[in-house]
Each structure stands twice: as C-alpha cells, then as structure tokens.
Amino acid sequence: MGFIAFIVLGLIAGAIAKAIMPGEQGGGWFVTMILGVVGAILGGWLGSLLLNVSLGGFFDLRSWLLAIVGSLIVLGIWGAVTGRKRV
C-alpha cells in the first residue's frame, strides 16, 4: 500500500472510530485525522505482532479492521489523557 493510500485509510478509519466511540472525545477534525493515522499505524503494528496479520491493500478488509481497531484504541487513550467524559 502506498503512502498516500495509507494516509487516506488512517483518515477514514479515524472518522469511523470517532463515530463508533460513545461520548465526546474533544478535538476537531484535524485531531481526528492525526489520531486516525496514528491508529492505523498502531493497528498494523499490533496486527503483525499479535495476530501475524499485516496491512494488505487499500481494499483489503483486514487493513480496514486493523486500522479501525487501532484508531479506537488511540481515541480511547486520547479521551483518557485529555480527561473527557465518556457517556
């Protein structure tokens, strides 16, 4: 997967994770984009480390699931660090 495709995957995964995560996490669209890209990196790393599954192509379901799960983890950590309440 190319660099631009990876960035786009992270951006979309961050938006999906923010829609899935209950409560208000704070941060605007820029923070969501950054957290999505970081989450995609984390998801790919955890997938290769724990599940022996790596990020495939842009349209690979495993890539999307790993990126979204990674974004959920990063968004949860962001909410805990910034002290936002979750409903």
C-alpha atoms as a PDB file:
ATOM      1  CA  MET A   1       0.000   0.000   0.000  1.00  0.00           C
ATOM      2  CA  GLY A   2       1.358   3.405  -0.913  1.00  0.00           C
ATOM      3  CA  PHE A   3       1.966   6.274   1.468  1.00  0.00           C
ATOM      4  CA  ILE A   4      -0.991   8.343   0.259  1.00  0.00           C
ATOM      5  CA  ALA A   5      -3.333   5.339   0.440  1.00  0.00           C
ATOM      6  CA  PHE A   6      -2.133   4.661   3.994  1.00  0.00           C
ATOM      7  CA  ILE A   7      -2.849   8.286   4.986  1.00  0.00           C
ATOM      8  CA  VAL A   8      -6.325   8.136   3.425  1.00  0.00           C
ATOM      9  CA  LEU A   9      -7.002   4.832   5.183  1.00  0.00           C
ATOM     10  CA  GLY A  10      -5.991   6.379   8.504  1.00  0.00           C
ATOM     11  CA  LEU A  11      -8.153   9.450   7.949  1.00  0.00           C
ATOM     12  CA  ILE A  12     -11.240   7.410   7.161  1.00  0.00           C
ATOM     13  CA  ALA A  13     -10.538   4.941   9.986  1.00  0.00           C
ATOM     14  CA  GLY A  14     -10.257   7.853  12.432  1.00  0.00           C
ATOM     15  CA  ALA A  15     -13.619   9.224  11.344  1.00  0.00           C
ATOM     16  CA  ILE A  16     -15.239   5.787  11.663  1.00  0.00           C
ATOM     17  CA  ALA A  17     -13.676   5.242  15.099  1.00  0.00           C
ATOM     18  CA  LYS A  18     -14.932   8.628  16.296  1.00  0.00           C
ATOM     19  CA  ALA A  19     -18.436   7.723  15.093  1.00  0.00           C
ATOM     20  CA  ILE A  20     -18.275   4.353  16.888  1.00  0.00           C
ATOM     21  CA  MET A  21     -16.784   5.630  20.170  1.00  0.00           C
ATOM     22  CA  PRO A  22     -19.506   6.825  22.565  1.00  0.00           C
ATOM     23  CA  GLY A  23     -19.277  10.225  24.219  1.00  0.00           C
ATOM     24  CA  GLU A  24     -17.384  13.330  23.241  1.00  0.00           C
ATOM     25  CA  GLN A  25     -13.648  12.882  22.777  1.00  0.00           C
ATOM     26  CA  GLY A  26     -12.821  16.503  22.054  1.00  0.00           C
ATOM     27  CA  GLY A  27     -10.543  17.705  19.337  1.00  0.00           C
ATOM     28  CA  GLY A  28     -11.645  18.795  15.927  1.00  0.00           C
ATOM     29  CA  TRP A  29     -11.315  17.280  12.512  1.00  0.00           C
ATOM     30  CA  PHE A  30      -7.539  17.806  12.447  1.00  0.00           C
ATOM     31  CA  VAL A  31      -7.027  15.881  15.700  1.00  0.00           C
ATOM     32  CA  THR A  32      -9.329  13.142  14.410  1.00  0.00           C
ATOM     33  CA  MET A  33      -7.235  12.844  11.254  1.00  0.00           C
ATOM     34  CA  ILE A  34      -3.961  12.650  13.176  1.00  0.00           C
ATOM     35  CA  LEU A  35      -5.384  10.102  15.635  1.00  0.00           C
ATOM     36  CA  GLY A  36      -6.721   8.043  12.717  1.00  0.00           C
ATOM     37  CA  VAL A  37      -3.319   7.880  11.042  1.00  0.00           C
ATOM     38  CA  VAL A  38      -1.619   7.022  14.348  1.00  0.00           C
ATOM     39  CA  GLY A  39      -4.344   4.430  14.967  1.00  0.00           C
ATOM     40  CA  ALA A  40      -3.775   2.855  11.562  1.00  0.00           C
ATOM     41  CA  ILE A  41      -0.067   2.578  12.340  1.00  0.00           C
ATOM     42  CA  LEU A  42      -0.819   1.089  15.768  1.00  0.00           C
ATOM     43  CA  GLY A  43      -3.395  -1.319  14.319  1.00  0.00           C
ATOM     44  CA  GLY A  44      -0.974  -2.533  11.666  1.00  0.00           C
ATOM     45  CA  TRP A  45       1.785  -2.974  14.232  1.00  0.00           C
ATOM     46  CA  LEU A  46      -0.439  -4.838  16.711  1.00  0.00           C
ATOM     47  CA  GLY A  47      -1.898  -6.988  13.939  1.00  0.00           C
ATOM     48  CA  SER A  48       1.536  -8.059  12.762  1.00  0.00           C
ATOM     49  CA  LEU A  49       2.828  -8.558  16.299  1.00  0.00           C
ATOM     50  CA  LEU A  50      -0.081 -10.386  17.932  1.00  0.00           C
ATOM     51  CA  LEU A  51      -2.067 -11.909  15.077  1.00  0.00           C
ATOM     52  CA  ASN A  52       0.631 -12.354  12.433  1.00  0.00           C
ATOM     53  CA  VAL A  53      -1.583 -10.344  10.060  1.00  0.00           C
ATOM     54  CA  SER A  54      -0.216  -7.345   8.218  1.00  0.00           C
ATOM     55  CA  LEU A  55      -1.879  -4.470   6.445  1.00  0.00           C
ATOM     56  CA  GLY A  56      -2.663  -5.565   2.923  1.00  0.00           C
ATOM     57  CA  GLY A  57      -4.017  -3.467   0.114  1.00  0.00           C
ATOM     58  CA  PHE A  58      -6.282  -0.473   0.446  1.00  0.00           C
ATOM     59  CA  PHE A  59      -9.403  -2.510  -0.304  1.00  0.00           C
ATOM     60  CA  ASP A  60      -8.445  -5.411   1.976  1.00  0.00           C
ATOM     61  CA  LEU A  61     -10.936  -5.919   4.827  1.00  0.00           C
ATOM     62  CA  ARG A  62      -8.128  -6.847   7.247  1.00  0.00           C
ATOM     63  CA  SER A  63      -6.459  -3.489   6.638  1.00  0.00           C
ATOM     64  CA  TRP A  64      -9.643  -1.633   7.433  1.00  0.00           C
ATOM     65  CA  LEU A  65     -10.400  -3.653  10.565  1.00  0.00           C
ATOM     66  CA  LEU A  66      -6.868  -3.260  11.922  1.00  0.00           C
ATOM     67  CA  ALA A  67      -6.888   0.478  11.199  1.00  0.00           C
ATOM     68  CA  ILE A  68     -10.279   0.998  12.843  1.00  0.00           C
ATOM     69  CA  VAL A  69      -9.379  -1.045  15.936  1.00  0.00           C
ATOM     70  CA  GLY A  70      -6.098   0.826  16.233  1.00  0.00           C
ATOM     71  CA  SER A  71      -7.932   4.135  15.884  1.00  0.00           C
ATOM     72  CA  LEU A  72     -10.406   3.116  18.596  1.00  0.00           C
ATOM     73  CA  ILE A  73      -7.500   2.328  20.933  1.00  0.00           C
ATOM     74  CA  VAL A  74      -5.775   5.634  20.200  1.00  0.00           C
ATOM     75  CA  LEU A  75      -9.047   7.551  20.547  1.00  0.00           C
ATOM     76  CA  GLY A  76      -9.715   5.885  23.914  1.00  0.00           C
ATOM     77  CA  ILE A  77      -6.240   6.815  25.116  1.00  0.00           C
ATOM     78  CA  TRP A  78      -6.754  10.373  23.830  1.00  0.00           C
ATOM     79  CA  GLY A  79     -10.024  10.628  25.777  1.00  0.00           C
ATOM     80  CA  ALA A  80      -8.355   9.340  28.949  1.00  0.00           C
ATOM     81  CA  VAL A  81      -5.404  11.712  28.635  1.00  0.00           C
ATOM     82  CA  THR A  82      -7.463  14.800  27.869  1.00  0.00           C
ATOM     83  CA  GLY A  83      -9.944  13.965  30.646  1.00  0.00           C
ATOM     84  CA  ARG A  84     -13.072  13.978  28.534  1.00  0.00           C
ATOM     85  CA  LYS A  85     -16.102  12.222  29.985  1.00  0.00           C
ATOM     86  CA  ARG A  86     -17.488   9.226  28.143  1.00  0.00           C
ATOM     87  CA  VAL A  87     -21.215   8.688  28.222  1.00  0.00           C
END
